[in-house]
């Protein structure tokens, strides 16, 4: 996905089309987790965090903002959101880091 993001950003950037990648910092509670044994859903975040981050990315000016690899938390912090408890499945538990980050 990284090479696709960079390639498409280079190809379409001059036309004002922004191609970026957005990743969750933590595991997101989706049905896909049913294929991964041992994940504690209580330590996941709701999909809304990625949706809100995507909205923040998609509503900013596209020109000059392409080829970026973004994390949902960083995007939301830049948009003024720093309390992520609303996205927790169980706010009393520390969220699990995403399986593809580290």
N, C-alpha and C. Protein backbone atom coordinates (compact mmCIF):
# COMPACT_ATOMS: atom_id res chain seq x y z
N UNK A 1 0.82 -1.19 0.00
CA UNK A 1 0.00 0.00 0.00
C UNK A 1 0.86 1.26 0.00
N UNK A 2 2.01 1.19 0.61
CA UNK A 2 2.89 2.36 0.64
C UNK A 2 3.32 2.79 -0.75
N UNK A 3 3.74 1.84 -1.57
CA UNK A 3 4.17 2.17 -2.91
C UNK A 3 3.01 2.66 -3.77
N UNK A 4 1.85 2.10 -3.58
CA UNK A 4 0.67 2.56 -4.32
C UNK A 4 0.36 4.01 -3.94
N UNK A 5 0.41 4.32 -2.66
CA UNK A 5 0.16 5.69 -2.21
C UNK A 5 1.15 6.65 -2.83
N UNK A 6 2.43 6.32 -2.77
CA UNK A 6 3.45 7.21 -3.33
C UNK A 6 3.31 7.34 -4.84
N UNK A 7 3.06 6.23 -5.52
CA UNK A 7 2.93 6.26 -6.97
C UNK A 7 1.74 7.08 -7.43
N UNK A 8 0.59 6.86 -6.81
CA UNK A 8 -0.61 7.60 -7.19
C UNK A 8 -0.48 9.08 -6.83
N UNK A 9 0.15 9.37 -5.69
CA UNK A 9 0.37 10.77 -5.31
C UNK A 9 1.24 11.48 -6.33
N UNK A 10 2.27 10.81 -6.80
CA UNK A 10 3.14 11.41 -7.81
C UNK A 10 2.41 11.58 -9.14
N UNK A 11 1.60 10.60 -9.50
CA UNK A 11 0.90 10.65 -10.78
C UNK A 11 -0.19 11.72 -10.82
N UNK A 12 -0.94 11.88 -9.74
CA UNK A 12 -2.08 12.77 -9.76
C UNK A 12 -1.90 14.08 -9.00
N UNK A 13 -0.78 14.23 -8.29
CA UNK A 13 -0.55 15.42 -7.49
C UNK A 13 -0.60 16.71 -8.29
N UNK A 14 -0.03 16.73 -9.48
CA UNK A 14 -0.02 17.94 -10.31
C UNK A 14 -1.43 18.36 -10.71
N UNK A 15 -2.37 17.44 -10.68
CA UNK A 15 -3.76 17.73 -11.03
C UNK A 15 -4.57 18.16 -9.80
N UNK A 16 -3.91 18.26 -8.65
CA UNK A 16 -4.59 18.67 -7.43
C UNK A 16 -5.31 17.56 -6.71
N UNK A 17 -5.02 16.33 -7.06
CA UNK A 17 -5.64 15.18 -6.40
C UNK A 17 -4.69 14.69 -5.31
N UNK A 18 -5.18 14.62 -4.11
CA UNK A 18 -4.36 14.18 -2.98
C UNK A 18 -4.57 12.69 -2.73
N UNK A 19 -3.50 11.94 -2.74
CA UNK A 19 -3.54 10.52 -2.40
C UNK A 19 -2.70 10.35 -1.14
N UNK A 20 -3.31 9.85 -0.09
CA UNK A 20 -2.64 9.65 1.19
C UNK A 20 -3.07 8.31 1.76
N UNK A 21 -2.33 7.82 2.74
CA UNK A 21 -2.68 6.59 3.44
C UNK A 21 -3.04 6.93 4.88
N UNK A 22 -4.07 6.31 5.40
CA UNK A 22 -4.52 6.54 6.77
C UNK A 22 -4.54 5.21 7.51
N UNK A 23 -3.87 5.18 8.65
CA UNK A 23 -3.78 3.96 9.46
C UNK A 23 -4.30 4.24 10.86
N UNK A 24 -4.87 3.25 11.51
CA UNK A 24 -5.25 3.41 12.91
C UNK A 24 -4.03 3.18 13.81
N UNK A 25 -3.94 3.94 14.89
CA UNK A 25 -2.86 3.73 15.86
C UNK A 25 -3.14 2.49 16.70
N UNK A 26 -4.42 2.19 16.89
CA UNK A 26 -4.81 1.05 17.73
C UNK A 26 -5.68 0.09 16.91
N UNK A 27 -5.92 -1.06 17.48
CA UNK A 27 -6.79 -2.03 16.81
C UNK A 27 -8.23 -1.50 16.82
N UNK A 28 -8.88 -1.62 15.68
CA UNK A 28 -10.25 -1.14 15.53
C UNK A 28 -11.21 -2.34 15.64
N UNK A 29 -12.25 -2.17 16.41
CA UNK A 29 -13.23 -3.24 16.65
C UNK A 29 -14.12 -3.42 15.42
N UNK A 30 -13.72 -4.31 14.54
CA UNK A 30 -14.51 -4.64 13.35
C UNK A 30 -14.72 -6.15 13.30
N UNK A 31 -15.57 -6.59 12.40
CA UNK A 31 -15.83 -8.02 12.25
C UNK A 31 -14.58 -8.78 11.79
N UNK A 32 -13.62 -8.10 11.18
CA UNK A 32 -12.40 -8.76 10.73
C UNK A 32 -11.63 -9.37 11.90
N UNK A 33 -11.85 -8.87 13.10
CA UNK A 33 -11.15 -9.42 14.27
C UNK A 33 -11.59 -10.84 14.59
N UNK A 34 -12.71 -11.26 14.05
CA UNK A 34 -13.17 -12.63 14.29
C UNK A 34 -12.18 -13.66 13.73
N UNK A 35 -11.34 -13.23 12.80
CA UNK A 35 -10.34 -14.14 12.21
C UNK A 35 -9.04 -14.19 13.02
N UNK A 36 -8.92 -13.31 14.01
CA UNK A 36 -7.69 -13.24 14.81
C UNK A 36 -8.01 -13.64 16.24
N UNK A 37 -7.61 -14.83 16.65
CA UNK A 37 -7.94 -15.27 18.01
C UNK A 37 -7.16 -14.48 19.07
N UNK A 38 -7.79 -14.29 20.20
CA UNK A 38 -7.11 -13.70 21.34
C UNK A 38 -7.16 -12.19 21.45
N UNK A 39 -7.86 -11.51 20.56
CA UNK A 39 -7.97 -10.06 20.65
C UNK A 39 -9.08 -9.71 21.63
N UNK A 40 -8.75 -8.89 22.63
CA UNK A 40 -9.72 -8.44 23.62
C UNK A 40 -10.44 -7.22 23.04
N UNK A 41 -11.67 -7.40 22.59
CA UNK A 41 -12.42 -6.30 21.98
C UNK A 41 -12.57 -5.09 22.90
N UNK A 42 -12.57 -5.33 24.19
CA UNK A 42 -12.68 -4.22 25.14
C UNK A 42 -11.48 -3.27 25.04
N UNK A 43 -10.36 -3.77 24.52
CA UNK A 43 -9.15 -2.95 24.40
C UNK A 43 -9.00 -2.37 22.99
N UNK A 44 -10.08 -2.36 22.24
CA UNK A 44 -10.06 -1.81 20.87
C UNK A 44 -10.79 -0.48 20.85
N UNK A 45 -10.67 0.19 19.71
CA UNK A 45 -11.42 1.42 19.50
C UNK A 45 -12.51 1.18 18.46
N UNK A 46 -13.50 2.03 18.50
CA UNK A 46 -14.62 1.97 17.56
C UNK A 46 -14.18 2.48 16.19
N UNK A 47 -14.81 2.01 15.12
CA UNK A 47 -14.46 2.47 13.77
C UNK A 47 -14.65 3.98 13.56
N UNK A 48 -15.43 4.61 14.40
CA UNK A 48 -15.69 6.04 14.24
C UNK A 48 -14.41 6.88 14.29
N UNK A 49 -13.36 6.42 14.98
CA UNK A 49 -12.13 7.19 15.04
C UNK A 49 -11.50 7.30 13.66
N UNK A 50 -11.53 6.22 12.90
CA UNK A 50 -10.97 6.25 11.55
C UNK A 50 -11.86 7.09 10.63
N UNK A 51 -13.17 6.97 10.81
CA UNK A 51 -14.10 7.77 10.00
C UNK A 51 -13.89 9.26 10.24
N UNK A 52 -13.74 9.65 11.49
CA UNK A 52 -13.53 11.07 11.80
C UNK A 52 -12.19 11.56 11.26
N UNK A 53 -11.17 10.73 11.36
CA UNK A 53 -9.86 11.10 10.82
C UNK A 53 -9.92 11.21 9.30
N UNK A 54 -10.60 10.28 8.66
CA UNK A 54 -10.75 10.34 7.20
C UNK A 54 -11.50 11.61 6.79
N UNK A 55 -12.53 11.96 7.52
CA UNK A 55 -13.26 13.19 7.22
C UNK A 55 -12.34 14.40 7.33
N UNK A 56 -11.51 14.44 8.36
CA UNK A 56 -10.58 15.56 8.52
C UNK A 56 -9.60 15.65 7.35
N UNK A 57 -9.14 14.50 6.87
CA UNK A 57 -8.22 14.48 5.74
C UNK A 57 -8.94 14.88 4.45
N UNK A 58 -10.10 14.34 4.24
CA UNK A 58 -10.83 14.57 2.98
C UNK A 58 -11.38 15.98 2.84
N UNK A 59 -11.52 16.70 3.94
CA UNK A 59 -12.07 18.05 3.86
C UNK A 59 -10.99 19.13 3.87
N UNK A 60 -9.75 18.77 3.90
CA UNK A 60 -8.68 19.77 3.82
C UNK A 60 -8.30 19.98 2.37
N UNK A 61 -7.70 21.11 2.03
CA UNK A 61 -7.30 21.34 0.65
C UNK A 61 -6.35 20.25 0.14
N UNK A 62 -6.65 19.74 -1.03
CA UNK A 62 -5.89 18.61 -1.57
C UNK A 62 -4.53 19.02 -2.11
N UNK A 63 -4.47 20.15 -2.79
CA UNK A 63 -3.23 20.56 -3.45
C UNK A 63 -2.10 20.71 -2.42
N UNK A 64 -1.02 20.03 -2.68
CA UNK A 64 0.15 20.10 -1.80
C UNK A 64 0.11 19.16 -0.62
N UNK A 65 -0.93 18.36 -0.51
CA UNK A 65 -1.02 17.41 0.61
C UNK A 65 -1.24 16.02 0.05
N UNK A 66 -0.17 15.43 -0.44
CA UNK A 66 -0.26 14.10 -1.06
C UNK A 66 0.98 13.29 -0.74
N UNK A 67 0.80 11.98 -0.75
CA UNK A 67 1.91 11.08 -0.48
C UNK A 67 2.25 10.96 0.99
N UNK A 68 1.27 11.23 1.85
CA UNK A 68 1.49 11.18 3.29
C UNK A 68 1.00 9.86 3.87
N UNK A 69 1.64 9.44 4.92
CA UNK A 69 1.24 8.26 5.68
C UNK A 69 0.79 8.78 7.04
N UNK A 70 -0.49 8.73 7.29
CA UNK A 70 -1.10 9.38 8.43
C UNK A 70 -1.64 8.37 9.44
N UNK A 71 -1.61 8.75 10.71
CA UNK A 71 -2.22 7.96 11.77
C UNK A 71 -3.45 8.70 12.26
N UNK A 72 -4.52 7.97 12.52
CA UNK A 72 -5.78 8.58 12.93
C UNK A 72 -5.60 9.55 14.10
N UNK A 73 -4.87 9.15 15.13
CA UNK A 73 -4.67 10.01 16.29
C UNK A 73 -3.99 11.33 15.91
N UNK A 74 -2.96 11.26 15.09
CA UNK A 74 -2.22 12.47 14.69
C UNK A 74 -3.12 13.41 13.90
N UNK A 75 -3.92 12.87 13.01
CA UNK A 75 -4.84 13.68 12.20
C UNK A 75 -5.85 14.37 13.11
N UNK A 76 -6.40 13.63 14.06
CA UNK A 76 -7.41 14.21 14.95
C UNK A 76 -6.79 15.23 15.90
N UNK A 77 -5.58 14.99 16.37
CA UNK A 77 -4.91 15.99 17.21
C UNK A 77 -4.72 17.30 16.44
N UNK A 78 -4.31 17.18 15.19
CA UNK A 78 -4.12 18.37 14.35
C UNK A 78 -5.45 19.10 14.12
N UNK A 79 -6.56 18.37 14.22
CA UNK A 79 -7.88 18.96 14.05
C UNK A 79 -8.45 19.45 15.38
N UNK A 80 -7.66 19.35 16.46
CA UNK A 80 -8.08 19.86 17.75
C UNK A 80 -8.73 18.85 18.68
N UNK A 81 -8.70 17.58 18.32
CA UNK A 81 -9.28 16.54 19.17
C UNK A 81 -8.16 15.79 19.88
N UNK A 82 -8.19 15.82 21.20
CA UNK A 82 -7.12 15.13 21.94
C UNK A 82 -7.66 14.10 22.93
N UNK A 83 -8.96 14.10 23.16
CA UNK A 83 -9.57 13.12 24.05
C UNK A 83 -10.15 11.99 23.20
N UNK A 84 -9.50 10.83 23.27
CA UNK A 84 -9.91 9.70 22.44
C UNK A 84 -10.80 8.71 23.20
N UNK A 85 -11.18 9.03 24.43
CA UNK A 85 -12.01 8.13 25.23
C UNK A 85 -13.35 7.84 24.54
N UNK A 86 -13.87 8.81 23.81
CA UNK A 86 -15.16 8.61 23.13
C UNK A 86 -15.10 7.49 22.09
N UNK A 87 -13.89 7.17 21.63
CA UNK A 87 -13.72 6.13 20.61
C UNK A 87 -13.45 4.75 21.19
N UNK A 88 -13.26 4.68 22.49
CA UNK A 88 -12.92 3.40 23.13
C UNK A 88 -14.14 2.49 23.24
N UNK A 89 -13.92 1.22 23.02
CA UNK A 89 -14.97 0.25 23.31
C UNK A 89 -15.18 0.23 24.82
N UNK A 90 -14.10 0.24 25.58
CA UNK A 90 -14.14 0.33 27.04
C UNK A 90 -13.06 1.32 27.46
N UNK A 91 -13.47 2.51 27.84
CA UNK A 91 -12.53 3.60 28.15
C UNK A 91 -11.68 3.32 29.39
N UNK A 92 -12.01 2.28 30.16
CA UNK A 92 -11.20 1.97 31.35
C UNK A 92 -9.98 1.11 31.00
N UNK A 93 -9.92 0.63 29.76
CA UNK A 93 -8.83 -0.26 29.35
C UNK A 93 -7.93 0.45 28.34
N UNK A 94 -6.64 0.18 28.46
CA UNK A 94 -5.67 0.75 27.52
C UNK A 94 -5.84 0.08 26.16
N UNK A 95 -5.93 0.91 25.08
CA UNK A 95 -6.12 0.31 23.75
C UNK A 95 -4.89 -0.46 23.27
N UNK A 96 -5.15 -1.51 22.53
CA UNK A 96 -4.08 -2.31 21.94
C UNK A 96 -3.49 -1.58 20.73
N UNK A 97 -2.17 -1.58 20.57
CA UNK A 97 -1.60 -0.96 19.36
C UNK A 97 -1.98 -1.77 18.12
N UNK A 98 -2.08 -1.08 17.00
CA UNK A 98 -2.44 -1.76 15.75
C UNK A 98 -1.42 -2.86 15.44
N UNK A 99 -1.88 -3.88 14.78
CA UNK A 99 -1.04 -5.06 14.50
C UNK A 99 0.07 -4.76 13.48
N UNK A 100 -0.10 -3.72 12.66
CA UNK A 100 0.87 -3.43 11.61
C UNK A 100 1.79 -2.27 11.92
N UNK A 101 1.64 -1.68 13.10
CA UNK A 101 2.51 -0.57 13.51
C UNK A 101 3.49 -1.06 14.56
N UNK A 102 4.66 -0.47 14.54
CA UNK A 102 5.66 -0.71 15.59
C UNK A 102 7.03 -0.71 15.01
